[in-house]
N, C-alpha and C. Protein backbone atom coordinates (compact mmCIF):
# COMPACT_ATOMS: atom_id res chain seq x y z
N ILE A 1 99.12 108.39 116.51
CA ILE A 1 99.75 107.89 117.78
C ILE A 1 101.18 107.43 117.46
N ASP A 2 102.17 108.01 118.12
CA ASP A 2 103.50 107.45 117.94
C ASP A 2 104.32 107.58 119.23
N LEU A 3 103.66 107.83 120.34
CA LEU A 3 104.23 107.89 121.65
C LEU A 3 103.43 106.95 122.60
N LEU A 4 104.22 106.12 123.29
CA LEU A 4 103.61 105.27 124.31
C LEU A 4 104.19 105.55 125.68
N SER A 5 103.31 105.74 126.60
CA SER A 5 103.77 105.94 128.04
C SER A 5 103.55 104.61 128.79
N VAL A 6 104.69 104.10 129.25
CA VAL A 6 104.63 102.74 129.81
C VAL A 6 105.23 102.68 131.18
N PHE A 7 104.75 101.72 132.02
CA PHE A 7 105.29 101.41 133.30
C PHE A 7 106.16 100.23 133.07
N PRO A 8 107.50 100.24 133.00
CA PRO A 8 108.31 99.16 132.57
C PRO A 8 108.14 97.95 133.39
N ASP A 9 108.01 98.09 134.74
CA ASP A 9 107.92 96.96 135.58
C ASP A 9 106.75 96.02 135.31
N VAL A 10 105.64 96.53 134.66
CA VAL A 10 104.51 95.77 134.21
C VAL A 10 104.65 95.35 132.75
N VAL A 11 104.86 96.40 131.85
CA VAL A 11 104.81 96.22 130.46
C VAL A 11 105.83 95.25 129.91
N ASN A 12 106.91 95.17 130.56
CA ASN A 12 108.01 94.15 130.15
C ASN A 12 107.60 92.75 130.46
N GLU A 13 106.54 92.53 131.27
CA GLU A 13 106.12 91.18 131.55
C GLU A 13 104.89 90.73 130.69
N ILE A 14 104.37 91.68 129.98
CA ILE A 14 103.10 91.32 129.18
C ILE A 14 103.41 90.41 128.05
N VAL A 15 102.53 89.36 127.89
CA VAL A 15 102.64 88.53 126.68
C VAL A 15 101.26 88.80 125.97
N CYS A 16 101.41 89.38 124.76
CA CYS A 16 100.23 89.80 124.04
C CYS A 16 99.66 88.58 123.18
N THR A 17 98.22 88.68 123.08
CA THR A 17 97.59 87.82 122.12
C THR A 17 96.70 88.54 121.27
N SER A 18 96.92 88.41 119.91
CA SER A 18 96.04 89.15 118.96
C SER A 18 94.90 88.29 118.47
N ILE A 19 93.71 88.85 118.26
CA ILE A 19 92.56 88.05 117.84
C ILE A 19 92.18 88.54 116.44
N TYR A 20 91.96 87.71 115.58
CA TYR A 20 91.65 87.98 114.21
C TYR A 20 90.42 87.17 113.80
N ALA A 21 89.66 87.67 112.74
CA ALA A 21 88.66 86.89 112.15
C ALA A 21 89.29 85.71 111.48
N GLY A 22 88.67 84.57 111.57
CA GLY A 22 89.25 83.32 110.90
C GLY A 22 88.84 83.36 109.49
N ASP A 23 89.29 82.27 108.73
CA ASP A 23 88.99 82.10 107.29
C ASP A 23 87.61 81.75 107.07
N LYS A 24 86.78 81.19 107.92
CA LYS A 24 85.44 80.85 107.85
C LYS A 24 84.61 81.67 108.70
N GLU A 25 83.35 81.93 108.23
CA GLU A 25 82.40 82.76 109.03
C GLU A 25 82.25 82.16 110.45
N GLY A 26 82.35 83.11 111.47
CA GLY A 26 82.28 82.69 112.81
C GLY A 26 83.55 82.11 113.45
N GLU A 27 84.58 82.00 112.65
CA GLU A 27 85.80 81.39 113.16
C GLU A 27 86.70 82.59 113.66
N ILE A 28 87.40 82.27 114.74
CA ILE A 28 88.35 83.23 115.30
C ILE A 28 89.73 82.62 115.28
N ARG A 29 90.71 83.51 114.99
CA ARG A 29 92.14 82.98 115.06
C ARG A 29 92.89 83.79 116.07
N PHE A 30 93.64 83.13 116.82
CA PHE A 30 94.53 83.79 117.91
C PHE A 30 95.88 83.74 117.46
N GLU A 31 96.64 84.70 117.79
CA GLU A 31 98.09 84.65 117.60
C GLU A 31 98.77 85.21 118.94
N ARG A 32 99.48 84.29 119.53
CA ARG A 32 100.21 84.68 120.77
C ARG A 32 101.56 85.16 120.47
N HIS A 33 102.04 86.33 121.02
CA HIS A 33 103.30 86.88 120.65
C HIS A 33 104.34 86.65 121.73
N GLU A 34 104.72 85.37 121.86
CA GLU A 34 105.70 85.02 122.86
C GLU A 34 107.13 85.65 122.50
N GLY A 35 107.74 86.15 123.44
CA GLY A 35 109.06 86.80 123.16
C GLY A 35 109.06 88.14 122.39
N VAL A 36 107.91 88.71 122.16
CA VAL A 36 107.86 90.02 121.55
C VAL A 36 107.34 91.04 122.55
N VAL A 37 108.17 92.10 122.68
CA VAL A 37 107.80 93.12 123.62
C VAL A 37 106.50 93.78 123.24
N PHE A 38 105.66 94.09 124.30
CA PHE A 38 104.30 94.77 124.16
C PHE A 38 104.36 95.89 123.19
N THR A 39 105.37 96.84 123.41
CA THR A 39 105.37 98.07 122.53
C THR A 39 105.62 97.71 121.15
N GLU A 40 106.27 96.57 120.83
CA GLU A 40 106.52 96.18 119.47
C GLU A 40 105.27 95.72 118.82
N VAL A 41 104.50 94.95 119.59
CA VAL A 41 103.16 94.38 119.18
C VAL A 41 102.26 95.57 118.87
N VAL A 42 102.24 96.58 119.72
CA VAL A 42 101.45 97.82 119.48
C VAL A 42 101.91 98.50 118.26
N ARG A 43 103.13 98.70 118.04
CA ARG A 43 103.79 99.33 116.80
C ARG A 43 103.30 98.66 115.55
N GLN A 44 103.41 97.29 115.59
CA GLN A 44 103.09 96.61 114.34
C GLN A 44 101.51 96.65 114.13
N ALA A 45 100.71 96.52 115.16
CA ALA A 45 99.29 96.57 115.02
C ALA A 45 98.81 97.93 114.50
N LEU A 46 99.48 98.98 114.87
CA LEU A 46 99.12 100.30 114.37
C LEU A 46 99.76 100.58 113.01
N GLY A 47 100.65 99.81 112.52
CA GLY A 47 101.24 99.97 111.20
C GLY A 47 102.28 101.15 111.20
N LEU A 48 102.95 101.32 112.33
CA LEU A 48 103.85 102.49 112.35
C LEU A 48 105.26 102.00 112.20
N LYS A 49 106.12 102.88 111.60
CA LYS A 49 107.54 102.51 111.40
C LYS A 49 108.31 102.54 112.70
N GLU A 50 107.89 103.36 113.60
CA GLU A 50 108.45 103.54 114.89
C GLU A 50 107.54 104.12 115.96
N VAL A 51 107.77 103.94 117.23
CA VAL A 51 107.02 104.46 118.25
C VAL A 51 108.10 105.11 119.25
N HIS A 52 107.75 106.20 119.89
CA HIS A 52 108.59 106.78 120.92
C HIS A 52 107.95 106.32 122.24
N ILE A 53 108.93 105.89 123.08
CA ILE A 53 108.49 105.27 124.48
C ILE A 53 108.88 106.21 125.55
N ILE A 54 107.97 106.56 126.46
CA ILE A 54 108.32 107.32 127.61
C ILE A 54 107.97 106.31 128.77
N GLN A 55 108.96 106.08 129.54
CA GLN A 55 108.82 105.13 130.70
C GLN A 55 108.34 106.07 131.82
N THR A 56 107.47 105.48 132.74
CA THR A 56 107.08 106.26 133.95
C THR A 56 108.31 106.80 134.59
N ALA A 57 108.39 108.04 134.89
CA ALA A 57 109.59 108.70 135.31
C ALA A 57 109.71 108.77 136.85
N GLY A 58 110.85 109.16 137.32
CA GLY A 58 111.23 109.25 138.77
C GLY A 58 111.99 108.11 139.17
N ASP A 59 112.32 108.05 140.47
CA ASP A 59 113.01 106.91 141.01
C ASP A 59 112.03 105.86 141.19
N ALA A 60 112.45 104.66 141.76
CA ALA A 60 111.64 103.36 141.77
C ALA A 60 110.37 103.68 142.55
N TYR A 61 110.43 104.42 143.74
CA TYR A 61 109.32 104.67 144.53
C TYR A 61 108.35 105.63 143.81
N GLN A 62 108.84 106.71 143.11
CA GLN A 62 107.99 107.67 142.42
C GLN A 62 107.30 107.00 141.22
N ARG A 63 108.02 106.08 140.44
CA ARG A 63 107.43 105.36 139.33
C ARG A 63 106.20 104.54 139.79
N GLU A 64 106.51 103.83 140.90
CA GLU A 64 105.44 102.95 141.44
C GLU A 64 104.16 103.82 141.95
N ARG A 65 104.48 104.90 142.52
CA ARG A 65 103.40 105.72 143.01
C ARG A 65 102.62 106.21 141.86
N GLU A 66 103.26 106.78 140.81
CA GLU A 66 102.50 107.30 139.71
C GLU A 66 101.70 106.24 139.08
N GLN A 67 102.16 105.02 138.92
CA GLN A 67 101.48 103.98 138.29
C GLN A 67 100.18 103.57 139.22
N TRP A 68 100.50 103.35 140.51
CA TRP A 68 99.40 102.89 141.41
C TRP A 68 98.36 103.93 141.68
N ASP A 69 98.67 105.22 141.59
CA ASP A 69 97.65 106.27 141.71
C ASP A 69 96.91 106.49 140.32
N ASP A 70 97.21 105.52 139.33
CA ASP A 70 96.74 105.79 137.96
C ASP A 70 97.13 107.11 137.43
N GLY A 71 98.16 107.64 137.87
CA GLY A 71 98.76 108.90 137.37
C GLY A 71 99.32 108.75 135.97
N ASN A 72 99.71 107.58 135.63
CA ASN A 72 100.40 107.36 134.39
C ASN A 72 99.49 107.28 133.20
N ASN A 73 98.17 107.19 133.46
CA ASN A 73 97.23 107.03 132.37
C ASN A 73 97.03 108.44 131.71
N VAL A 74 97.17 108.38 130.33
CA VAL A 74 96.93 109.60 129.56
C VAL A 74 96.03 109.29 128.42
N VAL A 75 95.42 110.24 127.92
CA VAL A 75 94.48 110.14 126.73
C VAL A 75 94.90 111.10 125.65
N ALA A 76 95.25 110.58 124.45
CA ALA A 76 95.61 111.48 123.42
C ALA A 76 94.37 112.05 122.70
N LEU A 77 94.37 113.36 122.54
CA LEU A 77 93.25 114.02 121.93
C LEU A 77 93.59 114.46 120.51
N ASP A 78 94.87 114.72 120.26
CA ASP A 78 95.42 115.08 118.97
C ASP A 78 96.92 114.95 119.02
N ARG A 79 97.59 115.20 117.87
CA ARG A 79 99.06 115.18 117.95
C ARG A 79 99.44 116.23 118.93
N ARG A 80 100.40 115.74 119.94
CA ARG A 80 100.93 116.60 120.97
C ARG A 80 99.94 117.14 121.83
N VAL A 81 98.78 116.65 122.03
CA VAL A 81 97.69 117.10 122.90
C VAL A 81 97.20 115.91 123.73
N VAL A 82 97.52 115.89 124.98
CA VAL A 82 97.05 114.85 125.85
C VAL A 82 96.37 115.38 127.08
N VAL A 83 95.58 114.57 127.75
CA VAL A 83 95.06 114.83 129.05
C VAL A 83 95.68 113.78 129.95
N ALA A 84 96.23 114.39 131.00
CA ALA A 84 97.04 113.57 132.04
C ALA A 84 96.61 114.13 133.47
N TYR A 85 96.80 113.26 134.45
CA TYR A 85 96.62 113.72 135.92
C TYR A 85 97.71 114.69 136.23
N ASP A 86 97.43 115.75 136.92
CA ASP A 86 98.42 116.72 137.33
C ASP A 86 99.41 116.07 138.31
N ARG A 87 98.98 115.08 139.01
CA ARG A 87 99.82 114.34 139.99
C ARG A 87 100.88 113.53 139.31
N ASN A 88 100.86 113.44 137.97
CA ASN A 88 101.78 112.54 137.24
C ASN A 88 102.98 113.51 136.87
N THR A 89 103.59 114.17 137.86
CA THR A 89 104.56 115.12 137.61
C THR A 89 105.75 114.74 136.92
N TYR A 90 106.31 113.64 137.22
CA TYR A 90 107.66 113.21 136.65
C TYR A 90 107.39 112.84 135.20
N THR A 91 106.34 112.03 134.83
CA THR A 91 106.11 111.56 133.52
C THR A 91 105.66 112.75 132.67
N ASN A 92 104.88 113.60 133.16
CA ASN A 92 104.44 114.76 132.44
C ASN A 92 105.61 115.62 131.95
N LYS A 93 106.55 115.76 132.83
CA LYS A 93 107.81 116.54 132.42
C LYS A 93 108.47 115.92 131.17
N LEU A 94 108.50 114.59 131.14
CA LEU A 94 109.16 113.91 130.02
C LEU A 94 108.35 114.07 128.68
N MET A 95 107.07 114.22 128.84
CA MET A 95 106.18 114.35 127.71
C MET A 95 106.21 115.80 127.10
N ARG A 96 106.79 116.78 127.84
CA ARG A 96 106.72 118.11 127.41
C ARG A 96 107.87 118.33 126.42
């Protein structure tokens, strides 16, 4: 995974919290990532040097429609192979 498809109006507002096993059995440790962009937290968690980001495409109305129709959701099956909704026309063009 080295490509993230994001809806910037939402993803730019996300504050991530990572959950880790604590030092003692049954203990949980939380790390809140204040001021760190969601895509950077994902990149670090996956141990990648970089990630490519595709923002939901189209004008403001088209971006919102693709997001709210769940059209921006994609599933990666393999490198360069994803399953996406056909109604996701603008973002699909960017991924090709």
